[in-house]
Amino acid sequence: MVVGVTAAAVVVQAGILLALFVAVRKSSSRMEALATEVKTKVMPIADTAQTMLAELRPKIENHCNQRQRNDPRGPRPDRTAGCDHQPGCRQDAAAGHSRQRIAQLHLDRIEETGDVVHRTVVSPARQLYGLVQG
């Protein structure tokens, strides 16, 4: 009788381990697909935006300087301080913010996937282990 119960417990544990393996493998493939999607869709857009910002920076600075020189109201001290660097600084900040946001979204997805794995696999496995232990 004891051997039969032990054999049944081993079979149940093997089933749990197999289910755990399948669930982790499935979530891992989802995470890999998500990372591939980010690489293929978002990163080219970010690179294009950075290239555009690098190309447009001199034009914007030139335009800003021309507007400042041609202003009929004359030079305005409150707006001329740092005018040469503002467009570039704003562009750099926007590009940096975009990259940070993309990275944060990616990390949020990873954390969400970890929570799903915890809820669907780890917690039930612990509960079952607790029931088996008594």
C-alpha atoms as a PDB file:
ATOM      1  CA  MET A   1       0.000   0.000   0.000  1.00  0.00           C
ATOM      2  CA  VAL A   2       2.801   2.423   0.934  1.00  0.00           C
ATOM      3  CA  VAL A   3       4.601   1.692  -2.332  1.00  0.00           C
ATOM      4  CA  GLY A   4       1.436   2.489  -4.317  1.00  0.00           C
ATOM      5  CA  VAL A   5       0.940   5.804  -2.528  1.00  0.00           C
ATOM      6  CA  THR A   6       4.596   6.695  -3.068  1.00  0.00           C
ATOM      7  CA  ALA A   7       4.344   5.794  -6.753  1.00  0.00           C
ATOM      8  CA  ALA A   8       1.208   7.934  -7.110  1.00  0.00           C
ATOM      9  CA  ALA A   9       2.954  10.852  -5.379  1.00  0.00           C
ATOM     10  CA  VAL A  10       5.910  10.532  -7.738  1.00  0.00           C
ATOM     11  CA  VAL A  11       3.585  10.499 -10.756  1.00  0.00           C
ATOM     12  CA  VAL A  12       1.736  13.588  -9.466  1.00  0.00           C
ATOM     13  CA  GLN A  13       5.026  15.398  -8.871  1.00  0.00           C
ATOM     14  CA  ALA A  14       6.236  14.486 -12.355  1.00  0.00           C
ATOM     15  CA  GLY A  15       2.987  15.854 -13.793  1.00  0.00           C
ATOM     16  CA  ILE A  16       3.400  19.082 -11.838  1.00  0.00           C
ATOM     17  CA  LEU A  17       6.989  19.456 -13.021  1.00  0.00           C
ATOM     18  CA  LEU A  18       5.947  18.817 -16.599  1.00  0.00           C
ATOM     19  CA  ALA A  19       3.163  21.424 -16.351  1.00  0.00           C
ATOM     20  CA  LEU A  20       5.616  23.865 -14.808  1.00  0.00           C
ATOM     21  CA  PHE A  21       8.104  23.249 -17.615  1.00  0.00           C
ATOM     22  CA  VAL A  22       5.448  23.748 -20.300  1.00  0.00           C
ATOM     23  CA  ALA A  23       4.165  26.970 -18.702  1.00  0.00           C
ATOM     24  CA  VAL A  24       7.660  28.445 -18.319  1.00  0.00           C
ATOM     25  CA  ARG A  25       8.556  27.484 -21.864  1.00  0.00           C
ATOM     26  CA  LYS A  26       5.366  29.061 -23.211  1.00  0.00           C
ATOM     27  CA  SER A  27       5.909  32.317 -21.308  1.00  0.00           C
ATOM     28  CA  SER A  28       9.551  32.324 -22.382  1.00  0.00           C
ATOM     29  CA  SER A  29       8.544  32.055 -26.033  1.00  0.00           C
ATOM     30  CA  ARG A  30       6.046  34.892 -25.540  1.00  0.00           C
ATOM     31  CA  MET A  31       8.746  37.050 -23.980  1.00  0.00           C
ATOM     32  CA  GLU A  32      11.133  36.270 -26.821  1.00  0.00           C
ATOM     33  CA  ALA A  33       8.440  37.169 -29.361  1.00  0.00           C
ATOM     34  CA  LEU A  34       7.819  40.440 -27.526  1.00  0.00           C
ATOM     35  CA  ALA A  35      11.526  41.276 -27.490  1.00  0.00           C
ATOM     36  CA  THR A  36      11.759  40.499 -31.201  1.00  0.00           C
ATOM     37  CA  GLU A  37       8.744  42.685 -31.883  1.00  0.00           C
ATOM     38  CA  VAL A  38      10.317  45.565 -29.973  1.00  0.00           C
ATOM     39  CA  LYS A  39      13.552  45.138 -31.889  1.00  0.00           C
ATOM     40  CA  THR A  40      11.868  44.972 -35.279  1.00  0.00           C
ATOM     41  CA  LYS A  41       9.213  47.660 -34.832  1.00  0.00           C
ATOM     42  CA  VAL A  42      10.253  50.166 -32.191  1.00  0.00           C
ATOM     43  CA  MET A  43      14.017  50.347 -32.494  1.00  0.00           C
ATOM     44  CA  PRO A  44      14.029  51.317 -36.206  1.00  0.00           C
ATOM     45  CA  ILE A  45      11.568  54.087 -35.401  1.00  0.00           C
ATOM     46  CA  ALA A  46      13.779  55.336 -32.561  1.00  0.00           C
ATOM     47  CA  ASP A  47      16.859  55.204 -34.818  1.00  0.00           C
ATOM     48  CA  THR A  48      15.021  57.080 -37.573  1.00  0.00           C
ATOM     49  CA  ALA A  49      13.871  59.705 -35.087  1.00  0.00           C
ATOM     50  CA  GLN A  50      17.410  60.136 -33.794  1.00  0.00           C
ATOM     51  CA  THR A  51      18.754  60.491 -37.337  1.00  0.00           C
ATOM     52  CA  MET A  52      16.069  63.045 -38.173  1.00  0.00           C
ATOM     53  CA  LEU A  53      16.854  65.004 -35.026  1.00  0.00           C
ATOM     54  CA  ALA A  54      20.550  65.018 -35.874  1.00  0.00           C
ATOM     55  CA  GLU A  55      19.811  66.251 -39.413  1.00  0.00           C
ATOM     56  CA  LEU A  56      17.271  68.868 -38.336  1.00  0.00           C
ATOM     57  CA  ARG A  57      19.231  70.324 -35.421  1.00  0.00           C
ATOM     58  CA  PRO A  58      21.376  72.705 -37.532  1.00  0.00           C
ATOM     59  CA  LYS A  59      18.353  73.807 -39.561  1.00  0.00           C
ATOM     60  CA  ILE A  60      16.338  74.552 -36.445  1.00  0.00           C
ATOM     61  CA  GLU A  61      19.220  76.416 -34.833  1.00  0.00           C
ATOM     62  CA  ASN A  62      19.705  78.419 -38.030  1.00  0.00           C
ATOM     63  CA  HIS A  63      16.006  79.229 -38.191  1.00  0.00           C
ATOM     64  CA  CYS A  64      15.974  80.232 -34.517  1.00  0.00           C
ATOM     65  CA  ASN A  65      18.945  82.540 -35.046  1.00  0.00           C
ATOM     66  CA  GLN A  66      17.403  84.106 -38.160  1.00  0.00           C
ATOM     67  CA  ARG A  67      14.117  84.750 -36.381  1.00  0.00           C
ATOM     68  CA  GLN A  68      15.963  86.285 -33.503  1.00  0.00           C
ATOM     69  CA  ARG A  69      17.895  88.633 -35.824  1.00  0.00           C
ATOM     70  CA  ASN A  70      14.804  89.578 -37.859  1.00  0.00           C
ATOM     71  CA  ASP A  71      12.499  90.170 -34.904  1.00  0.00           C
ATOM     72  CA  PRO A  72      10.908  93.619 -35.395  1.00  0.00           C
ATOM     73  CA  ARG A  73      10.654  94.075 -31.634  1.00  0.00           C
ATOM     74  CA  GLY A  74      14.402  93.866 -31.287  1.00  0.00           C
ATOM     75  CA  PRO A  75      16.438  91.500 -29.180  1.00  0.00           C
ATOM     76  CA  ARG A  76      14.680  90.166 -26.120  1.00  0.00           C
ATOM     77  CA  PRO A  77      17.077  89.305 -23.322  1.00  0.00           C
ATOM     78  CA  ASP A  78      14.672  86.912 -21.657  1.00  0.00           C
ATOM     79  CA  ARG A  79      14.520  84.681 -24.754  1.00  0.00           C
ATOM     80  CA  THR A  80      17.990  85.076 -26.202  1.00  0.00           C
ATOM     81  CA  ALA A  81      19.814  83.425 -23.324  1.00  0.00           C
ATOM     82  CA  GLY A  82      20.694  79.933 -24.502  1.00  0.00           C
ATOM     83  CA  CYS A  83      18.632  80.137 -27.694  1.00  0.00           C
ATOM     84  CA  ASP A  84      21.418  78.546 -29.713  1.00  0.00           C
ATOM     85  CA  HIS A  85      21.296  75.432 -27.566  1.00  0.00           C
ATOM     86  CA  GLN A  86      17.610  75.089 -26.792  1.00  0.00           C
ATOM     87  CA  PRO A  87      16.459  73.250 -29.924  1.00  0.00           C
ATOM     88  CA  GLY A  88      19.281  70.761 -29.653  1.00  0.00           C
ATOM     89  CA  CYS A  89      18.750  70.304 -25.954  1.00  0.00           C
ATOM     90  CA  ARG A  90      15.053  69.768 -26.477  1.00  0.00           C
ATOM     91  CA  GLN A  91      15.684  67.246 -29.241  1.00  0.00           C
ATOM     92  CA  ASP A  92      18.210  65.347 -27.163  1.00  0.00           C
ATOM     93  CA  ALA A  93      15.837  65.323 -24.218  1.00  0.00           C
ATOM     94  CA  ALA A  94      12.983  64.105 -26.421  1.00  0.00           C
ATOM     95  CA  ALA A  95      15.106  61.308 -27.875  1.00  0.00           C
ATOM     96  CA  GLY A  96      16.308  60.319 -24.418  1.00  0.00           C
ATOM     97  CA  HIS A  97      12.777  60.388 -23.076  1.00  0.00           C
ATOM     98  CA  SER A  98      11.577  58.192 -25.949  1.00  0.00           C
ATOM     99  CA  ARG A  99      14.290  55.648 -25.283  1.00  0.00           C
ATOM    100  CA  GLN A 100      13.552  55.644 -21.557  1.00  0.00           C
ATOM    101  CA  ARG A 101       9.853  55.149 -22.230  1.00  0.00           C
ATOM    102  CA  ILE A 102      10.527  52.235 -24.584  1.00  0.00           C
ATOM    103  CA  ALA A 103      12.840  50.633 -22.043  1.00  0.00           C
ATOM    104  CA  GLN A 104      10.272  51.159 -19.287  1.00  0.00           C
ATOM    105  CA  LEU A 105       7.519  49.574 -21.401  1.00  0.00           C
ATOM    106  CA  HIS A 106       9.789  46.617 -22.081  1.00  0.00           C
ATOM    107  CA  LEU A 107      10.580  46.225 -18.381  1.00  0.00           C
ATOM    108  CA  ASP A 108       6.887  46.532 -17.512  1.00  0.00           C
ATOM    109  CA  ARG A 109       6.099  43.697 -19.924  1.00  0.00           C
ATOM    110  CA  ILE A 110       8.825  41.540 -18.403  1.00  0.00           C
ATOM    111  CA  GLU A 111       7.495  42.212 -14.922  1.00  0.00           C
ATOM    112  CA  GLU A 112       3.937  41.488 -16.052  1.00  0.00           C
ATOM    113  CA  THR A 113       5.023  38.176 -17.565  1.00  0.00           C
ATOM    114  CA  GLY A 114       6.815  37.279 -14.349  1.00  0.00           C
ATOM    115  CA  ASP A 115       3.653  38.038 -12.381  1.00  0.00           C
ATOM    116  CA  VAL A 116       1.596  35.848 -14.727  1.00  0.00           C
ATOM    117  CA  VAL A 117       4.061  32.977 -14.335  1.00  0.00           C
ATOM    118  CA  HIS A 118       3.977  33.430 -10.584  1.00  0.00           C
ATOM    119  CA  ARG A 119       0.174  33.454 -10.467  1.00  0.00           C
ATOM    120  CA  THR A 120      -0.377  30.568 -12.864  1.00  0.00           C
ATOM    121  CA  VAL A 121       2.525  28.275 -12.022  1.00  0.00           C
ATOM    122  CA  VAL A 122       4.416  29.054  -8.841  1.00  0.00           C
ATOM    123  CA  SER A 123       1.494  29.795  -6.517  1.00  0.00           C
ATOM    124  CA  PRO A 124      -0.538  26.703  -7.482  1.00  0.00           C
ATOM    125  CA  ALA A 125       2.601  24.574  -7.213  1.00  0.00           C
ATOM    126  CA  ARG A 126       3.259  25.914  -3.708  1.00  0.00           C
ATOM    127  CA  GLN A 127      -0.349  25.335  -2.716  1.00  0.00           C
ATOM    128  CA  LEU A 128      -0.225  21.783  -4.005  1.00  0.00           C
ATOM    129  CA  TYR A 129       3.080  21.229  -2.237  1.00  0.00           C
ATOM    130  CA  GLY A 130       1.516  22.539   0.974  1.00  0.00           C
ATOM    131  CA  LEU A 131      -1.419  20.158   0.579  1.00  0.00           C
ATOM    132  CA  VAL A 132       0.898  17.225  -0.051  1.00  0.00           C
ATOM    133  CA  GLN A 133       3.027  18.119   2.981  1.00  0.00           C
ATOM    134  CA  GLY A 134      -0.128  18.378   5.078  1.00  0.00           C
END
